[in-house]
C-alpha atoms as a PDB file:
ATOM      1  CA  MET A   1       4.078  -0.951   3.991  1.00  0.00           C
ATOM      2  CA  ARG A   2       2.526   1.286   6.614  1.00  0.00           C
ATOM      3  CA  PRO A   3      -0.670   0.180   8.366  1.00  0.00           C
ATOM      4  CA  ASP A   4      -4.093   1.597   7.521  1.00  0.00           C
ATOM      5  CA  LEU A   5      -5.152   4.850   9.192  1.00  0.00           C
ATOM      6  CA  CYS A   6      -8.311   4.018  11.148  1.00  0.00           C
ATOM      7  CA  LEU A   7     -10.866   6.193  12.928  1.00  0.00           C
ATOM      8  CA  GLN A   8     -12.885   4.049  15.314  1.00  0.00           C
ATOM      9  CA  ASN A   9     -16.105   5.478  16.780  1.00  0.00           C
ATOM     10  CA  ALA A  10     -14.408   8.884  16.663  1.00  0.00           C
ATOM     11  CA  GLY A  11     -16.199  12.004  17.797  1.00  0.00           C
ATOM     12  CA  ARG A  12     -15.253  15.623  18.207  1.00  0.00           C
ATOM     13  CA  ARG A  13     -16.753  18.532  20.095  1.00  0.00           C
ATOM     14  CA  TYR A  14     -15.269  21.820  21.248  1.00  0.00           C
ATOM     15  CA  GLY A  15     -15.511  22.384  24.992  1.00  0.00           C
ATOM     16  CA  LEU A  16     -16.690  19.986  27.681  1.00  0.00           C
ATOM     17  CA  ARG A  17     -20.348  20.832  27.099  1.00  0.00           C
ATOM     18  CA  GLY A  18     -20.206  21.929  23.488  1.00  0.00           C
ATOM     19  CA  PRO A  19     -22.388  20.297  20.824  1.00  0.00           C
ATOM     20  CA  TRP A  20     -20.972  17.305  18.982  1.00  0.00           C
ATOM     21  CA  VAL A  21     -19.612  18.271  15.581  1.00  0.00           C
ATOM     22  CA  LEU A  22     -18.865  14.660  14.668  1.00  0.00           C
ATOM     23  CA  ARG A  23     -19.798  11.443  16.417  1.00  0.00           C
ATOM     24  CA  GLY A  24     -19.515   7.725  15.764  1.00  0.00           C
ATOM     25  CA  VAL A  25     -17.169   8.116  12.797  1.00  0.00           C
ATOM     26  CA  ASP A  26     -15.591   4.931  11.467  1.00  0.00           C
ATOM     27  CA  LEU A  27     -13.194   5.373   8.555  1.00  0.00           C
ATOM     28  CA  THR A  28     -10.257   3.394   7.181  1.00  0.00           C
ATOM     29  CA  VAL A  29      -7.769   4.981   4.784  1.00  0.00           C
ATOM     30  CA  ALA A  30      -5.449   2.402   3.255  1.00  0.00           C
ATOM     31  CA  PRO A  31      -2.132   3.185   1.540  1.00  0.00           C
ATOM     32  CA  GLY A  32      -2.498   4.295  -2.076  1.00  0.00           C
ATOM     33  CA  ARG A  33      -6.138   5.348  -1.680  1.00  0.00           C
ATOM     34  CA  LEU A  34      -7.802   8.560  -2.804  1.00  0.00           C
ATOM     35  CA  VAL A  35     -10.782   9.556  -0.644  1.00  0.00           C
ATOM     36  CA  ARG A  36     -13.202  12.412  -1.264  1.00  0.00           C
ATOM     37  CA  VAL A  37     -15.267  13.975   1.532  1.00  0.00           C
ATOM     38  CA  GLU A  38     -18.412  15.942   0.698  1.00  0.00           C
ATOM     39  CA  GLY A  39     -21.022  17.846   2.669  1.00  0.00           C
ATOM     40  CA  ALA A  40     -22.690  21.202   3.074  1.00  0.00           C
ATOM     41  CA  ASN A  41     -20.893  24.099   4.740  1.00  0.00           C
ATOM     42  CA  GLY A  42     -20.740  23.768   8.496  1.00  0.00           C
ATOM     43  CA  THR A  43     -21.391  20.027   8.600  1.00  0.00           C
ATOM     44  CA  GLY A  44     -17.982  19.097  10.005  1.00  0.00           C
ATOM     45  CA  LYS A  45     -15.864  18.323   6.932  1.00  0.00           C
ATOM     46  CA  SER A  46     -12.954  20.460   8.105  1.00  0.00           C
ATOM     47  CA  THR A  47     -13.202  18.972  11.597  1.00  0.00           C
ATOM     48  CA  LEU A  48     -12.912  15.483  10.098  1.00  0.00           C
ATOM     49  CA  LEU A  49      -9.867  16.505   8.069  1.00  0.00           C
ATOM     50  CA  ARG A  50      -8.245  18.027  11.151  1.00  0.00           C
ATOM     51  CA  LEU A  51      -8.725  14.722  12.969  1.00  0.00           C
ATOM     52  CA  LEU A  52      -7.154  12.841  10.058  1.00  0.00           C
ATOM     53  CA  ALA A  53      -4.249  15.282   9.917  1.00  0.00           C
ATOM     54  CA  GLY A  54      -3.624  15.059  13.654  1.00  0.00           C
ATOM     55  CA  ILE A  55      -4.306  18.759  14.181  1.00  0.00           C
ATOM     56  CA  ASP A  56      -7.178  17.915  16.553  1.00  0.00           C
ATOM     57  CA  ALA A  57      -7.572  14.889  18.817  1.00  0.00           C
ATOM     58  CA  PRO A  58     -10.880  13.029  19.021  1.00  0.00           C
ATOM     59  CA  SER A  59     -13.061  13.816  22.032  1.00  0.00           C
ATOM     60  CA  GLU A  60     -14.094  10.163  22.046  1.00  0.00           C
ATOM     61  CA  GLY A  61     -13.061   7.059  20.145  1.00  0.00           C
ATOM     62  CA  ARG A  62      -9.552   6.613  18.802  1.00  0.00           C
ATOM     63  CA  ILE A  63      -7.305   6.919  15.773  1.00  0.00           C
ATOM     64  CA  THR A  64      -4.704   4.253  14.972  1.00  0.00           C
ATOM     65  CA  GLY A  65      -2.062   3.749  12.301  1.00  0.00           C
ATOM     66  CA  ARG A  66      -0.861   7.341  12.187  1.00  0.00           C
ATOM     67  CA  PRO A  67       1.261   7.914   9.015  1.00  0.00           C
ATOM     68  CA  ARG A  68       3.571  10.829   8.204  1.00  0.00           C
ATOM     69  CA  THR A  69       1.015  13.482   7.375  1.00  0.00           C
ATOM     70  CA  ALA A  70       0.911  16.849   5.612  1.00  0.00           C
ATOM     71  CA  TYR A  71      -2.070  19.169   5.632  1.00  0.00           C
ATOM     72  CA  VAL A  72      -3.280  22.077   3.509  1.00  0.00           C
ATOM     73  CA  PRO A  73      -5.839  24.004   5.596  1.00  0.00           C
ATOM     74  CA  GLU A  74      -8.828  25.872   4.242  1.00  0.00           C
ATOM     75  CA  ARG A  75      -7.275  29.127   5.438  1.00  0.00           C
ATOM     76  CA  PHE A  76      -3.512  29.537   5.329  1.00  0.00           C
ATOM     77  CA  PRO A  77      -1.897  32.277   7.482  1.00  0.00           C
ATOM     78  CA  PRO A  78       0.261  34.286   5.033  1.00  0.00           C
ATOM     79  CA  ALA A  79       1.615  36.917   7.465  1.00  0.00           C
ATOM     80  CA  LEU A  80       4.602  34.890   8.668  1.00  0.00           C
ATOM     81  CA  PRO A  81       8.116  36.274   9.301  1.00  0.00           C
ATOM     82  CA  PHE A  82       9.726  34.434   6.366  1.00  0.00           C
ATOM     83  CA  THR A  83      10.288  34.771   2.674  1.00  0.00           C
ATOM     84  CA  ALA A  84       8.496  32.125   0.630  1.00  0.00           C
ATOM     85  CA  VAL A  85      11.611  30.001   0.119  1.00  0.00           C
ATOM     86  CA  GLY A  86      12.712  30.571   3.718  1.00  0.00           C
ATOM     87  CA  TYR A  87       9.382  29.317   5.013  1.00  0.00           C
ATOM     88  CA  LEU A  88       9.430  26.244   2.782  1.00  0.00           C
ATOM     89  CA  THR A  89      13.021  25.428   3.717  1.00  0.00           C
ATOM     90  CA  HIS A  90      12.130  25.758   7.407  1.00  0.00           C
ATOM     91  CA  LEU A  91       9.076  23.484   7.009  1.00  0.00           C
ATOM     92  CA  GLY A  92      11.122  20.960   5.055  1.00  0.00           C
ATOM     93  CA  ALA A  93      13.575  20.775   7.948  1.00  0.00           C
ATOM     94  CA  VAL A  94      10.677  20.341  10.376  1.00  0.00           C
ATOM     95  CA  HIS A  95       9.510  17.397   8.233  1.00  0.00           C
ATOM     96  CA  GLY A  96      12.955  15.800   8.629  1.00  0.00           C
ATOM     97  CA  LEU A  97      14.790  16.919   5.493  1.00  0.00           C
ATOM     98  CA  THR A  98      18.292  18.335   5.653  1.00  0.00           C
ATOM     99  CA  ARG A  99      18.487  22.062   5.008  1.00  0.00           C
ATOM    100  CA  THR A 100      20.062  21.369   1.609  1.00  0.00           C
ATOM    101  CA  ALA A 101      17.374  18.862   0.638  1.00  0.00           C
ATOM    102  CA  ALA A 102      14.643  21.156   1.964  1.00  0.00           C
ATOM    103  CA  ALA A 103      15.917  24.104  -0.060  1.00  0.00           C
ATOM    104  CA  ARG A 104      16.122  21.938  -3.173  1.00  0.00           C
ATOM    105  CA  ALA A 105      12.570  20.626  -2.696  1.00  0.00           C
ATOM    106  CA  ALA A 106      11.325  24.161  -2.011  1.00  0.00           C
ATOM    107  CA  GLY A 107      12.779  25.364  -5.304  1.00  0.00           C
ATOM    108  CA  GLU A 108      11.302  22.436  -7.210  1.00  0.00           C
ATOM    109  CA  TRP A 109       7.779  22.975  -5.852  1.00  0.00           C
ATOM    110  CA  LEU A 110       7.886  26.724  -6.335  1.00  0.00           C
ATOM    111  CA  GLU A 111       8.801  26.056  -9.954  1.00  0.00           C
ATOM    112  CA  ARG A 112       6.131  23.416 -10.459  1.00  0.00           C
ATOM    113  CA  LEU A 113       3.402  25.623  -8.991  1.00  0.00           C
ATOM    114  CA  GLY A 114       4.453  28.702 -10.950  1.00  0.00           C
ATOM    115  CA  ALA A 115       5.678  30.688  -7.929  1.00  0.00           C
ATOM    116  CA  ALA A 116       9.454  30.639  -8.459  1.00  0.00           C
ATOM    117  CA  ALA A 117       9.480  34.389  -9.109  1.00  0.00           C
ATOM    118  CA  TYR A 118       8.259  34.953  -5.534  1.00  0.00           C
ATOM    119  CA  ALA A 119      10.867  32.810  -3.769  1.00  0.00           C
ATOM    120  CA  GLY A 120      12.462  35.825  -2.083  1.00  0.00           C
ATOM    121  CA  THR A 121       9.224  37.713  -1.382  1.00  0.00           C
ATOM    122  CA  PRO A 122       8.168  38.117   2.276  1.00  0.00           C
ATOM    123  CA  MET A 123       5.114  35.992   3.032  1.00  0.00           C
ATOM    124  CA  ALA A 124       3.150  39.031   4.212  1.00  0.00           C
ATOM    125  CA  ARG A 125       3.453  40.602   0.741  1.00  0.00           C
ATOM    126  CA  LEU A 126       2.209  37.623  -1.252  1.00  0.00           C
ATOM    127  CA  SER A 127      -1.171  37.636  -2.973  1.00  0.00           C
ATOM    128  CA  LYS A 128      -3.830  35.220  -1.789  1.00  0.00           C
ATOM    129  CA  GLY A 129      -3.262  32.988  -4.801  1.00  0.00           C
ATOM    130  CA  THR A 130       0.501  32.856  -4.318  1.00  0.00           C
ATOM    131  CA  SER A 131       0.061  32.231  -0.592  1.00  0.00           C
ATOM    132  CA  GLN A 132      -2.087  29.245  -1.484  1.00  0.00           C
ATOM    133  CA  LYS A 133       0.668  27.910  -3.719  1.00  0.00           C
ATOM    134  CA  ILE A 134       3.037  28.122  -0.741  1.00  0.00           C
ATOM    135  CA  ALA A 135       0.473  26.273   1.391  1.00  0.00           C
ATOM    136  CA  VAL A 136       0.357  23.482  -1.180  1.00  0.00           C
ATOM    137  CA  ALA A 137       4.141  23.390  -1.594  1.00  0.00           C
ATOM    138  CA  GLN A 138       4.800  23.033   2.145  1.00  0.00           C
ATOM    139  CA  ALA A 139       2.548  19.967   2.259  1.00  0.00           C
ATOM    140  CA  LEU A 140       4.309  18.233  -0.636  1.00  0.00           C
ATOM    141  CA  LEU A 141       7.934  18.919   0.298  1.00  0.00           C
ATOM    142  CA  ALA A 142       8.687  15.699   2.145  1.00  0.00           C
ATOM    143  CA  GLU A 143       6.510  13.254   0.164  1.00  0.00           C
ATOM    144  CA  PRO A 144       3.980  12.557   2.951  1.00  0.00           C
ATOM    145  CA  GLU A 145       2.359   9.173   3.471  1.00  0.00           C
ATOM    146  CA  LEU A 146      -0.971  10.926   4.005  1.00  0.00           C
ATOM    147  CA  LEU A 147      -1.890  14.181   2.261  1.00  0.00           C
ATOM    148  CA  VAL A 148      -4.963  15.990   3.631  1.00  0.00           C
ATOM    149  CA  LEU A 149      -6.386  18.751   1.424  1.00  0.00           C
ATOM    150  CA  ASP A 150      -9.105  21.085   2.691  1.00  0.00           C
ATOM    151  CA  GLU A 151     -10.290  23.166  -0.312  1.00  0.00           C
ATOM    152  CA  ALA A 152      -6.645  23.265  -1.411  1.00  0.00           C
ATOM    153  CA  TRP A 153      -7.498  24.226  -5.019  1.00  0.00           C
ATOM    154  CA  THR A 154      -9.297  27.426  -3.982  1.00  0.00           C
ATOM    155  CA  GLY A 155      -7.375  30.502  -5.145  1.00  0.00           C
ATOM    156  CA  LEU A 156      -5.002  28.627  -7.461  1.00  0.00           C
ATOM    157  CA  ASP A 157      -4.715  29.518 -11.124  1.00  0.00           C
ATOM    158  CA  THR A 158      -5.481  26.958 -13.831  1.00  0.00           C
ATOM    159  CA  ASP A 159      -1.906  25.703 -14.195  1.00  0.00           C
ATOM    160  CA  ALA A 160      -1.396  25.352 -10.454  1.00  0.00           C
ATOM    161  CA  ARG A 161      -4.706  23.494 -10.070  1.00  0.00           C
ATOM    162  CA  ALA A 162      -3.576  21.026 -12.719  1.00  0.00           C
ATOM    163  CA  GLU A 163      -0.203  20.659 -11.006  1.00  0.00           C
ATOM    164  CA  LEU A 164      -1.880  19.860  -7.692  1.00  0.00           C
ATOM    165  CA  GLU A 165      -4.018  17.204  -9.387  1.00  0.00           C
ATOM    166  CA  ARG A 166      -0.815  15.764 -10.855  1.00  0.00           C
ATOM    167  CA  ALA A 167       0.787  15.752  -7.397  1.00  0.00           C
ATOM    168  CA  VAL A 168      -2.224  13.881  -5.986  1.00  0.00           C
ATOM    169  CA  ALA A 169      -1.790  11.231  -8.676  1.00  0.00           C
ATOM    170  CA  GLU A 170       1.924  10.978  -7.886  1.00  0.00           C
ATOM    171  CA  ARG A 171       1.272  10.531  -4.167  1.00  0.00           C
ATOM    172  CA  THR A 172      -1.254   7.733  -4.650  1.00  0.00           C
ATOM    173  CA  ALA A 173       0.871   6.046  -7.327  1.00  0.00           C
ATOM    174  CA  ALA A 174       3.764   6.027  -4.850  1.00  0.00           C
ATOM    175  CA  GLY A 175       1.584   4.344  -2.214  1.00  0.00           C
ATOM    176  CA  GLY A 176       0.559   7.458  -0.294  1.00  0.00           C
ATOM    177  CA  SER A 177      -3.018   8.261   0.730  1.00  0.00           C
ATOM    178  CA  VAL A 178      -4.872  11.452  -0.127  1.00  0.00           C
ATOM    179  CA  VAL A 179      -8.069  12.679   1.543  1.00  0.00           C
ATOM    180  CA  PHE A 180      -9.600  15.831   0.093  1.00  0.00           C
ATOM    181  CA  VAL A 181     -12.526  18.221   0.272  1.00  0.00           C
ATOM    182  CA  ASP A 182     -13.337  20.523  -2.628  1.00  0.00           C
ATOM    183  CA  HIS A 183     -16.422  22.555  -3.482  1.00  0.00           C
ATOM    184  CA  ASP A 184     -16.156  21.679  -7.192  1.00  0.00           C
ATOM    185  CA  PRO A 185     -17.854  18.304  -7.859  1.00  0.00           C
ATOM    186  CA  ARG A 186     -15.741  17.950 -11.004  1.00  0.00           C
ATOM    187  CA  ARG A 187     -12.501  17.951  -9.017  1.00  0.00           C
ATOM    188  CA  LEU A 188     -10.775  14.614  -9.654  1.00  0.00           C
ATOM    189  CA  ALA A 189     -14.160  13.341 -10.874  1.00  0.00           C
ATOM    190  CA  GLY A 190     -14.275   9.584 -11.268  1.00  0.00           C
ATOM    191  CA  LEU A 191     -10.903   9.017  -9.601  1.00  0.00           C
ATOM    192  CA  PRO A 192     -11.583   8.599  -5.840  1.00  0.00           C
ATOM    193  CA  ASP A 193     -11.515   5.064  -4.490  1.00  0.00           C
ATOM    194  CA  ALA A 194     -14.204   6.099  -1.988  1.00  0.00           C
ATOM    195  CA  THR A 195     -16.477   9.079  -1.431  1.00  0.00           C
ATOM    196  CA  TYR A 196     -18.127   9.988   1.873  1.00  0.00           C
ATOM    197  CA  ALA A 197     -20.504  12.713   2.987  1.00  0.00           C
ATOM    198  CA  VAL A 198     -20.681  14.340   6.400  1.00  0.00           C
ATOM    199  CA  ARG A 199     -24.356  14.601   7.388  1.00  0.00           C
ATOM    200  CA  ASP A 200     -25.775  15.480  10.806  1.00  0.00           C
ATOM    201  CA  GLY A 201     -22.416  14.792  12.442  1.00  0.00           C
ATOM    202  CA  SER A 202     -22.046  11.335  10.865  1.00  0.00           C
ATOM    203  CA  LEU A 203     -19.913  10.031   8.026  1.00  0.00           C
ATOM    204  CA  VAL A 204     -21.928   8.289   5.312  1.00  0.00           C
ATOM    205  CA  PRO A 205     -20.529   6.375   2.289  1.00  0.00           C
ATOM    206  CA  CYS A 206     -21.706   7.936  -0.980  1.00  0.00           C
ATOM    207  CA  ALA A 207     -20.424   5.360  -3.450  1.00  0.00           C
ATOM    208  CA  ALA A 208     -19.109   1.861  -3.213  1.00  0.00           C
ATOM    209  CA  PRO A 209     -15.300   1.808  -3.083  1.00  0.00           C
ATOM    210  CA  GLY A 210     -13.822   0.405  -6.243  1.00  0.00           C
ATOM    211  CA  SER A 211     -16.766   1.377  -8.429  1.00  0.00           C
ATOM    212  CA  GLY A 212     -14.178   2.457 -10.941  1.00  0.00           C
ATOM    213  CA  PRO A 213     -13.101   5.774 -12.393  1.00  0.00           C
ATOM    214  CA  SER A 214     -14.948   7.301 -15.334  1.00  0.00           C
ATOM    215  CA  GLY A 215     -14.329  10.177 -17.682  1.00  0.00           C
ATOM    216  CA  PRO A 216     -11.406  10.872 -20.051  1.00  0.00           C
ATOM    217  CA  HIS A 217      -8.881   8.040 -20.142  1.00  0.00           C
ATOM    218  CA  VAL A 218      -5.651   7.240 -21.912  1.00  0.00           C
ATOM    219  CA  THR A 219      -4.940   3.736 -23.204  1.00  0.00           C
ATOM    220  CA  VAL A 220      -1.259   2.794 -23.155  1.00  0.00           C
ATOM    221  CA  VAL A 221       0.260  -0.312 -24.709  1.00  0.00           C
ATOM    222  CA  ALA A 222       3.683  -1.069 -23.224  1.00  0.00           C
ATOM    223  CA  GLN A 223       6.225  -3.882 -23.414  1.00  0.00           C
ATOM    224  CA  GLY A 224       8.535  -5.010 -20.634  1.00  0.00           C
ATOM    225  CA  PRO A 225      10.747  -8.033 -20.023  1.00  0.00           C
ATOM    226  CA  PRO A 226       8.924 -11.258 -21.073  1.00  0.00           C
ATOM    227  CA  ASP A 227       8.952 -12.494 -17.475  1.00  0.00           C
ATOM    228  CA  GLY A 228       8.569  -9.002 -15.994  1.00  0.00           C
ATOM    229  CA  ARG A 229       5.748  -7.691 -13.844  1.00  0.00           C
ATOM    230  CA  LEU A 230       4.152  -4.303 -14.242  1.00  0.00           C
ATOM    231  CA  PRO A 231       6.074  -1.815 -12.028  1.00  0.00           C
ATOM    232  CA  GLU A 232       4.238  -1.217  -8.752  1.00  0.00           C
ATOM    233  CA  ASP A 233       3.948   2.551  -9.277  1.00  0.00           C
ATOM    234  CA  ALA A 234       2.422   1.911 -12.704  1.00  0.00           C
ATOM    235  CA  HIS A 235       0.008  -0.668 -11.307  1.00  0.00           C
ATOM    236  CA  ARG A 236      -1.281   1.795  -8.706  1.00  0.00           C
ATOM    237  CA  ALA A 237      -1.897   4.480 -11.325  1.00  0.00           C
ATOM    238  CA  VAL A 238      -4.007   2.452 -13.734  1.00  0.00           C
ATOM    239  CA  ALA A 239      -7.742   1.790 -13.789  1.00  0.00           C
ATOM    240  CA  SER A 240      -7.322  -1.556 -15.553  1.00  0.00           C
ATOM    241  CA  ALA A 241      -4.458  -3.669 -16.884  1.00  0.00           C
ATOM    242  CA  GLU A 242      -4.577  -6.558 -19.353  1.00  0.00           C
ATOM    243  CA  GLU A 243      -1.523  -8.651 -20.236  1.00  0.00           C
ATOM    244  CA  THR A 244      -2.232  -9.365 -23.913  1.00  0.00           C
ATOM    245  CA  THR A 245       0.959 -11.395 -24.481  1.00  0.00           C
ATOM    246  CA  PRO A 246       3.777 -12.194 -22.036  1.00  0.00           C
ATOM    247  CA  GLY A 247       5.332  -8.869 -21.075  1.00  0.00           C
ATOM    248  CA  THR A 248       2.917  -6.750 -23.136  1.00  0.00           C
ATOM    249  CA  TYR A 249       0.205  -4.830 -21.298  1.00  0.00           C
ATOM    250  CA  ARG A 250      -2.778  -2.792 -22.396  1.00  0.00           C
ATOM    251  CA  LEU A 251      -3.314  -0.194 -19.674  1.00  0.00           C
ATOM    252  CA  ALA A 252      -6.259   2.145 -19.150  1.00  0.00           C
ATOM    253  CA  VAL A 253      -5.413   5.145 -17.000  1.00  0.00           C
ATOM    254  CA  PRO A 254      -7.395   8.301 -16.101  1.00  0.00           C
ATOM    255  CA  ALA A 255      -6.054  11.193 -18.163  1.00  0.00           C
ATOM    256  CA  SER A 256      -4.914  13.080 -15.060  1.00  0.00           C
ATOM    257  CA  ARG A 257      -2.679  10.121 -14.100  1.00  0.00           C
ATOM    258  CA  SER A 258      -1.253   9.360 -17.533  1.00  0.00           C
ATOM    259  CA  ASP A 259       2.037  11.191 -17.015  1.00  0.00           C
ATOM    260  CA  VAL A 260       2.522   9.357 -13.700  1.00  0.00           C
ATOM    261  CA  LEU A 261       2.062   6.023 -15.499  1.00  0.00           C
ATOM    262  CA  LEU A 262       4.417   6.943 -18.338  1.00  0.00           C
ATOM    263  CA  ARG A 263       7.067   8.142 -15.887  1.00  0.00           C
ATOM    264  CA  ALA A 264       6.818   4.872 -13.945  1.00  0.00           C
ATOM    265  CA  LEU A 265       7.250   2.823 -17.112  1.00  0.00           C
ATOM    266  CA  LEU A 266      10.100   4.851 -18.566  1.00  0.00           C
ATOM    267  CA  THR A 267      12.084   5.072 -15.316  1.00  0.00           C
ATOM    268  CA  ALA A 268      11.749   1.356 -14.477  1.00  0.00           C
ATOM    269  CA  ARG A 269      14.935  -0.700 -14.539  1.00  0.00           C
ATOM    270  CA  PRO A 270      15.099  -1.878 -17.246  1.00  0.00           C
ATOM    271  CA  PRO A 271      12.779   0.725 -18.804  1.00  0.00           C
ATOM    272  CA  TRP A 272       9.613  -0.383 -20.563  1.00  0.00           C
ATOM    273  CA  HIS A 273       8.943   0.321 -24.221  1.00  0.00           C
ATOM    274  CA  VAL A 274       5.800   2.387 -24.783  1.00  0.00           C
ATOM    275  CA  VAL A 275       4.242   1.086 -27.993  1.00  0.00           C
ATOM    276  CA  SER A 276       1.262   3.423 -28.248  1.00  0.00           C
ATOM    277  CA  VAL A 277      -0.713   6.066 -26.360  1.00  0.00           C
ATOM    278  CA  GLU A 278      -4.349   6.759 -27.272  1.00  0.00           C
ATOM    279  CA  GLN A 279      -6.735   9.197 -25.598  1.00  0.00           C
ATOM    280  CA  ARG A 280     -10.389   8.203 -25.281  1.00  0.00           C
ATOM    281  CA  ALA A 281     -13.396  10.131 -24.038  1.00  0.00           C
ATOM    282  CA  ASP A 282     -14.315   7.293 -21.669  1.00  0.00           C
ATOM    283  CA  THR A 283     -12.970   3.877 -20.769  1.00  0.00           C
ATOM    284  CA  PRO A 284     -15.376   1.478 -19.099  1.00  0.00           C
ATOM    285  CA  GLY A 285     -12.686  -0.981 -18.128  1.00  0.00           C
ATOM    286  CA  SER A 286     -12.857  -2.785 -14.810  1.00  0.00           C
ATOM    287  CA  PRO A 287     -11.311  -1.023 -11.791  1.00  0.00           C
ATOM    288  CA  ARG A 288      -7.958  -1.984 -10.464  1.00  0.00           C
END
């Protein structure tokens, strides 16, 4: 497993004598963690995300444990000399995929985000909403170890917003990390493992990590081999897991991660048997 990404006493300012945008930032992002960053406009949230993504280097302090990273910026430049699928295929190759694999992944993400009809459209002719779908797709092509999202949901339609939330759940269930900023306080509400606020150039914890997700949950009862362990991808997705009898688990999972859990169970080798699925308005079970 990759090491934690760590910011140690990190600071950032623009120009040798410019004011400090961030200073004294300490932050650890472990594999499989979902981290939300909050703060008023102009406080330095985007600067922090650019440091995490490796777009900017710290002016002081250091960053260690750099994972393979993908980044969706707040503003995506649409006027590029590519078609949508050409751009995604090119970016996939930059991320280390073969051209064939990159083209396949590009097609899959265009389909998932509802932009397949625009695969051959020049980037400069895409609407703002479709351009944002391309921005999201390019970040997800190569299954990054760290996904950094700066207002990535802005401009997406309802289906695409839901698909991005599903992709976030998939990344964390697979052991990847996701750090995000979004203006909507309901975005992924109750799911982050940690929430921080940027205030006066400092990073301040808002809630204790592991306080547990709240909100709509799904309870799944599943049976595996009597001596089997819960698949790792399933374990990462759940909020709580109770082994009621050998090989039988009662699993509470946030509704937005339920399809990730079910996929992990049904694609395990041997596959698990899903006994029941029940949606509840809230599950107070202990955090994972």
